């Protein structure tokens, strides 16, 4: 175990130790529907600008989720949009999360 930060009192006793393992959260990637190129939009809805297109077989992280335009895709009909990067959203209907509901916190 490695220690990134140690705080000591005046008497030299250790009061807190924080490890890298405790601070780091693993990022999980989810598969986009096979055989589909998915539009990435600047916000949670089809009225937002397309900022890029994901290639077939792409995997994406989901940092948070927002309600938006309802979309029907390979994984059902939903109004949930996945934030995959700063200012980049894809409809959850195209991402295999294994759930029909929210799996990450709501975007603020």
N, C-alpha and C. Protein backbone atom coordinates (compact mmCIF):
# COMPACT_ATOMS: atom_id res chain seq x y z
N UNK A 1 0.85 -1.17 0.00
CA UNK A 1 0.00 0.00 0.00
C UNK A 1 0.89 1.23 0.00
N UNK A 2 0.60 2.18 -0.88
CA UNK A 2 1.35 3.42 -0.90
C UNK A 2 0.53 4.52 -0.26
N UNK A 3 1.22 5.45 0.37
CA UNK A 3 0.55 6.56 1.04
C UNK A 3 0.86 7.83 0.29
N UNK A 4 -0.19 8.56 -0.11
CA UNK A 4 -0.02 9.81 -0.83
C UNK A 4 0.10 11.00 0.10
N UNK A 5 -0.58 10.95 1.24
CA UNK A 5 -0.58 12.07 2.15
C UNK A 5 -0.65 11.56 3.57
N UNK A 6 0.15 12.10 4.43
CA UNK A 6 0.11 11.77 5.85
C UNK A 6 0.07 13.07 6.62
N UNK A 7 -0.87 13.16 7.57
CA UNK A 7 -0.94 14.33 8.43
C UNK A 7 -0.50 13.92 9.81
N UNK A 8 0.33 14.74 10.43
CA UNK A 8 0.83 14.43 11.76
C UNK A 8 0.46 15.54 12.73
N UNK A 9 0.29 15.17 13.98
CA UNK A 9 0.08 16.17 15.01
C UNK A 9 1.44 16.69 15.46
N UNK A 10 1.45 17.68 16.34
CA UNK A 10 2.71 18.25 16.83
C UNK A 10 3.53 17.20 17.55
N UNK A 11 2.87 16.23 18.19
CA UNK A 11 3.59 15.19 18.92
C UNK A 11 4.16 14.11 18.01
N UNK A 12 3.86 14.20 16.71
CA UNK A 12 4.41 13.24 15.76
C UNK A 12 3.54 12.04 15.49
N UNK A 13 2.35 11.97 16.08
CA UNK A 13 1.46 10.85 15.84
C UNK A 13 0.73 11.04 14.51
N UNK A 14 0.58 9.97 13.78
CA UNK A 14 -0.14 10.02 12.53
C UNK A 14 -1.63 10.07 12.83
N UNK A 15 -2.33 11.08 12.24
CA UNK A 15 -3.77 11.21 12.46
C UNK A 15 -4.58 10.80 11.25
N UNK A 16 -3.97 10.85 10.06
CA UNK A 16 -4.70 10.49 8.85
C UNK A 16 -3.72 10.03 7.79
N UNK A 17 -4.05 8.96 7.12
CA UNK A 17 -3.27 8.51 5.98
C UNK A 17 -4.24 8.22 4.85
N UNK A 18 -3.97 8.77 3.68
CA UNK A 18 -4.83 8.58 2.52
C UNK A 18 -4.05 7.84 1.47
N UNK A 19 -4.59 6.73 0.99
CA UNK A 19 -3.89 5.95 -0.03
C UNK A 19 -4.42 6.29 -1.41
N UNK A 20 -3.63 6.01 -2.41
CA UNK A 20 -4.04 6.24 -3.80
C UNK A 20 -5.25 5.37 -4.14
N UNK A 21 -5.31 4.16 -3.58
CA UNK A 21 -6.43 3.26 -3.84
C UNK A 21 -7.73 3.82 -3.31
N UNK A 22 -7.70 4.54 -2.21
CA UNK A 22 -8.91 5.09 -1.61
C UNK A 22 -9.44 6.28 -2.40
N UNK A 23 -8.57 7.00 -3.07
CA UNK A 23 -8.96 8.21 -3.78
C UNK A 23 -9.35 7.92 -5.22
N UNK A 24 -8.67 6.98 -5.85
CA UNK A 24 -8.90 6.69 -7.26
C UNK A 24 -10.16 5.85 -7.44
N UNK A 25 -11.04 6.27 -8.34
CA UNK A 25 -12.23 5.51 -8.68
C UNK A 25 -12.05 4.97 -10.09
N UNK A 26 -12.27 3.70 -10.25
CA UNK A 26 -12.10 3.08 -11.56
C UNK A 26 -13.20 3.57 -12.51
N UNK A 27 -12.82 3.86 -13.73
CA UNK A 27 -13.78 4.26 -14.76
C UNK A 27 -14.22 3.01 -15.49
N UNK A 28 -15.53 2.83 -15.62
CA UNK A 28 -16.08 1.67 -16.33
C UNK A 28 -16.52 2.12 -17.71
N UNK A 29 -16.24 1.30 -18.71
CA UNK A 29 -16.62 1.59 -20.09
C UNK A 29 -17.77 0.68 -20.51
N UNK A 30 -18.71 1.25 -21.26
CA UNK A 30 -19.89 0.54 -21.72
C UNK A 30 -19.89 0.47 -23.24
N UNK A 31 -20.34 -0.65 -23.79
CA UNK A 31 -20.36 -0.84 -25.24
C UNK A 31 -21.53 -0.13 -25.88
N UNK A 32 -21.25 0.47 -27.04
CA UNK A 32 -22.30 1.05 -27.86
C UNK A 32 -22.87 -0.08 -28.70
N UNK A 33 -24.15 0.02 -29.07
CA UNK A 33 -24.83 -1.03 -29.83
C UNK A 33 -24.00 -1.44 -31.05
N UNK A 34 -23.86 -2.75 -31.28
CA UNK A 34 -23.08 -3.23 -32.42
C UNK A 34 -23.69 -2.82 -33.75
N UNK A 35 -22.82 -2.52 -34.70
CA UNK A 35 -23.24 -2.18 -36.05
C UNK A 35 -23.84 -0.79 -36.18
N UNK A 36 -23.65 0.05 -35.17
CA UNK A 36 -24.26 1.38 -35.18
C UNK A 36 -23.19 2.45 -34.97
N UNK A 37 -23.29 3.53 -35.74
CA UNK A 37 -22.47 4.71 -35.52
C UNK A 37 -23.36 5.71 -34.79
N UNK A 38 -22.96 6.14 -33.60
CA UNK A 38 -23.82 6.94 -32.73
C UNK A 38 -23.39 8.40 -32.72
N UNK A 39 -24.37 9.30 -32.89
CA UNK A 39 -24.10 10.73 -32.80
C UNK A 39 -23.83 11.13 -31.35
N UNK A 40 -22.78 11.90 -31.15
CA UNK A 40 -22.46 12.48 -29.85
C UNK A 40 -22.90 13.94 -29.93
N UNK A 41 -23.73 14.36 -28.99
CA UNK A 41 -24.30 15.70 -29.04
C UNK A 41 -23.77 16.58 -27.90
N UNK A 42 -23.92 17.89 -28.08
CA UNK A 42 -23.39 18.84 -27.11
C UNK A 42 -24.27 18.96 -25.86
N UNK A 43 -25.42 18.34 -25.85
CA UNK A 43 -26.33 18.34 -24.71
C UNK A 43 -27.24 17.14 -24.77
N UNK A 44 -28.09 16.98 -23.74
CA UNK A 44 -28.95 15.79 -23.64
C UNK A 44 -30.22 15.84 -24.47
N UNK A 45 -30.06 15.86 -25.79
CA UNK A 45 -31.24 15.85 -26.64
C UNK A 45 -30.89 15.92 -28.11
N UNK A 46 -31.86 15.56 -28.95
CA UNK A 46 -31.61 15.54 -30.39
C UNK A 46 -31.56 16.94 -31.00
N UNK A 47 -31.97 17.95 -30.26
CA UNK A 47 -31.90 19.33 -30.79
C UNK A 47 -30.51 19.94 -30.60
N UNK A 48 -29.65 19.27 -29.83
CA UNK A 48 -28.29 19.76 -29.63
C UNK A 48 -27.41 19.41 -30.83
N UNK A 49 -26.36 20.17 -31.03
CA UNK A 49 -25.43 19.98 -32.14
C UNK A 49 -24.69 18.65 -32.03
N UNK A 50 -24.48 17.98 -33.17
CA UNK A 50 -23.64 16.79 -33.22
C UNK A 50 -22.19 17.26 -33.18
N UNK A 51 -21.43 16.80 -32.17
CA UNK A 51 -20.03 17.23 -32.03
C UNK A 51 -19.05 16.20 -32.59
N UNK A 52 -19.50 14.95 -32.68
CA UNK A 52 -18.70 13.89 -33.31
C UNK A 52 -19.58 12.65 -33.45
N UNK A 53 -19.06 11.63 -34.10
CA UNK A 53 -19.79 10.38 -34.29
C UNK A 53 -18.92 9.25 -33.77
N UNK A 54 -19.51 8.39 -32.92
CA UNK A 54 -18.78 7.23 -32.42
C UNK A 54 -18.75 6.14 -33.48
N UNK A 55 -17.62 5.50 -33.64
CA UNK A 55 -17.50 4.43 -34.61
C UNK A 55 -18.17 3.16 -34.09
N UNK A 56 -18.44 2.23 -35.00
CA UNK A 56 -19.02 0.94 -34.62
C UNK A 56 -18.10 0.26 -33.62
N UNK A 57 -18.69 -0.33 -32.59
CA UNK A 57 -17.90 -1.06 -31.59
C UNK A 57 -17.26 -0.19 -30.53
N UNK A 58 -17.59 1.08 -30.49
CA UNK A 58 -17.00 1.99 -29.51
C UNK A 58 -17.43 1.62 -28.10
N UNK A 59 -16.58 1.96 -27.14
CA UNK A 59 -16.90 1.82 -25.72
C UNK A 59 -16.75 3.20 -25.11
N UNK A 60 -17.69 3.55 -24.21
CA UNK A 60 -17.69 4.89 -23.64
C UNK A 60 -17.80 4.84 -22.12
N UNK A 61 -17.16 5.81 -21.43
CA UNK A 61 -17.39 5.95 -20.00
C UNK A 61 -18.69 6.74 -19.80
N UNK A 62 -19.33 6.58 -18.67
CA UNK A 62 -20.50 7.40 -18.33
C UNK A 62 -20.18 8.08 -17.01
N UNK A 63 -20.05 9.40 -17.05
CA UNK A 63 -19.71 10.17 -15.86
C UNK A 63 -20.94 10.59 -15.07
N UNK A 64 -22.01 10.93 -15.77
CA UNK A 64 -23.29 11.28 -15.15
C UNK A 64 -24.36 11.15 -16.22
N UNK A 65 -25.63 11.25 -15.81
CA UNK A 65 -26.74 11.10 -16.75
C UNK A 65 -27.77 12.20 -16.54
N UNK A 66 -28.44 12.59 -17.65
CA UNK A 66 -29.44 13.65 -17.61
C UNK A 66 -30.69 13.24 -18.37
N UNK A 67 -31.85 13.74 -17.94
CA UNK A 67 -33.04 13.53 -18.75
C UNK A 67 -33.00 14.45 -19.96
N UNK A 68 -33.60 14.02 -21.05
CA UNK A 68 -33.61 14.83 -22.27
C UNK A 68 -34.63 14.28 -23.25
N UNK A 69 -34.38 14.47 -24.52
CA UNK A 69 -35.27 13.99 -25.58
C UNK A 69 -35.42 12.47 -25.50
N UNK A 70 -36.64 11.98 -25.67
CA UNK A 70 -36.88 10.54 -25.69
C UNK A 70 -36.45 9.97 -27.04
N UNK A 71 -35.66 8.88 -26.98
CA UNK A 71 -35.11 8.25 -28.17
C UNK A 71 -35.37 6.75 -28.10
N UNK A 72 -35.66 6.14 -29.24
CA UNK A 72 -35.79 4.69 -29.34
C UNK A 72 -34.58 4.15 -30.08
N UNK A 73 -33.94 3.14 -29.50
CA UNK A 73 -32.75 2.54 -30.10
C UNK A 73 -32.70 1.06 -29.79
N UNK A 74 -31.55 0.44 -30.04
CA UNK A 74 -31.40 -1.00 -29.84
C UNK A 74 -31.66 -1.47 -28.41
N UNK A 75 -31.47 -0.58 -27.44
CA UNK A 75 -31.65 -0.96 -26.04
C UNK A 75 -32.91 -0.36 -25.43
N UNK A 76 -33.90 -0.07 -26.27
CA UNK A 76 -35.19 0.38 -25.77
C UNK A 76 -35.46 1.85 -26.05
N UNK A 77 -36.51 2.35 -25.41
CA UNK A 77 -36.91 3.74 -25.53
C UNK A 77 -36.65 4.42 -24.19
N UNK A 78 -35.95 5.54 -24.23
CA UNK A 78 -35.57 6.22 -22.99
C UNK A 78 -35.37 7.71 -23.22
N UNK A 79 -35.46 8.45 -22.13
CA UNK A 79 -35.12 9.88 -22.17
C UNK A 79 -33.81 10.15 -21.43
N UNK A 80 -33.10 9.09 -21.08
CA UNK A 80 -31.82 9.23 -20.36
C UNK A 80 -30.70 9.46 -21.36
N UNK A 81 -29.87 10.45 -21.07
CA UNK A 81 -28.69 10.76 -21.88
C UNK A 81 -27.45 10.62 -21.03
N UNK A 82 -26.43 9.95 -21.60
CA UNK A 82 -25.18 9.66 -20.89
C UNK A 82 -24.13 10.71 -21.22
N UNK A 83 -23.55 11.31 -20.19
CA UNK A 83 -22.44 12.25 -20.38
C UNK A 83 -21.16 11.43 -20.48
N UNK A 84 -20.53 11.45 -21.67
CA UNK A 84 -19.34 10.62 -21.90
C UNK A 84 -18.05 11.44 -21.90
N UNK A 85 -18.19 12.75 -21.85
CA UNK A 85 -17.04 13.66 -21.79
C UNK A 85 -17.61 15.05 -21.55
N UNK A 86 -16.77 16.00 -21.30
CA UNK A 86 -17.23 17.36 -21.05
C UNK A 86 -18.01 17.89 -22.25
N UNK A 87 -19.32 18.14 -22.06
CA UNK A 87 -20.16 18.65 -23.15
C UNK A 87 -20.46 17.64 -24.24
N UNK A 88 -20.40 16.34 -23.92
CA UNK A 88 -20.66 15.30 -24.91
C UNK A 88 -21.64 14.27 -24.34
N UNK A 89 -22.77 14.11 -25.04
CA UNK A 89 -23.84 13.22 -24.59
C UNK A 89 -24.26 12.26 -25.70
N UNK A 90 -24.63 11.04 -25.29
CA UNK A 90 -25.23 10.07 -26.21
C UNK A 90 -26.49 9.52 -25.55
N UNK A 91 -27.47 9.16 -26.37
CA UNK A 91 -28.69 8.58 -25.82
C UNK A 91 -28.38 7.22 -25.22
N UNK A 92 -28.94 6.98 -24.03
CA UNK A 92 -28.75 5.70 -23.35
C UNK A 92 -29.39 4.55 -24.12
N UNK A 93 -30.26 4.86 -25.08
CA UNK A 93 -30.88 3.83 -25.91
C UNK A 93 -29.87 3.13 -26.80
N UNK A 94 -28.67 3.70 -26.93
CA UNK A 94 -27.62 3.13 -27.78
C UNK A 94 -26.43 2.60 -26.97
N UNK A 95 -26.53 2.62 -25.64
CA UNK A 95 -25.43 2.19 -24.79
C UNK A 95 -25.90 1.02 -23.93
N UNK A 96 -25.14 -0.07 -23.94
CA UNK A 96 -25.50 -1.27 -23.19
C UNK A 96 -25.06 -1.13 -21.74
N UNK A 97 -25.95 -0.56 -20.92
CA UNK A 97 -25.64 -0.39 -19.49
C UNK A 97 -26.18 -1.53 -18.65
N UNK A 98 -27.07 -2.34 -19.24
CA UNK A 98 -27.67 -3.43 -18.48
C UNK A 98 -28.83 -2.99 -17.60
N UNK A 99 -29.28 -1.74 -17.77
CA UNK A 99 -30.37 -1.20 -16.96
C UNK A 99 -31.27 -0.30 -17.79
N UNK A 100 -32.54 -0.24 -17.42
CA UNK A 100 -33.47 0.68 -18.06
C UNK A 100 -33.52 2.02 -17.33
N UNK A 101 -32.82 2.12 -16.22
CA UNK A 101 -32.86 3.33 -15.41
C UNK A 101 -31.48 3.98 -15.30
N UNK A 102 -31.39 4.92 -14.38
CA UNK A 102 -30.11 5.62 -14.13
C UNK A 102 -29.14 4.69 -13.44
N UNK A 103 -27.89 4.71 -13.92
CA UNK A 103 -26.83 3.91 -13.30
C UNK A 103 -25.74 4.79 -12.73
N UNK A 104 -25.79 6.08 -13.03
CA UNK A 104 -24.81 7.05 -12.55
C UNK A 104 -25.58 8.24 -11.98
N UNK A 105 -24.91 9.11 -11.23
CA UNK A 105 -25.59 10.27 -10.69
C UNK A 105 -26.10 11.20 -11.79
N UNK A 106 -27.09 11.99 -11.47
CA UNK A 106 -27.58 13.00 -12.42
C UNK A 106 -26.53 14.09 -12.60
N UNK A 107 -26.39 14.57 -13.83
CA UNK A 107 -25.46 15.66 -14.11
C UNK A 107 -25.98 16.93 -13.45
N UNK A 108 -25.06 17.72 -12.94
CA UNK A 108 -25.49 18.97 -12.30
C UNK A 108 -25.36 20.14 -13.23
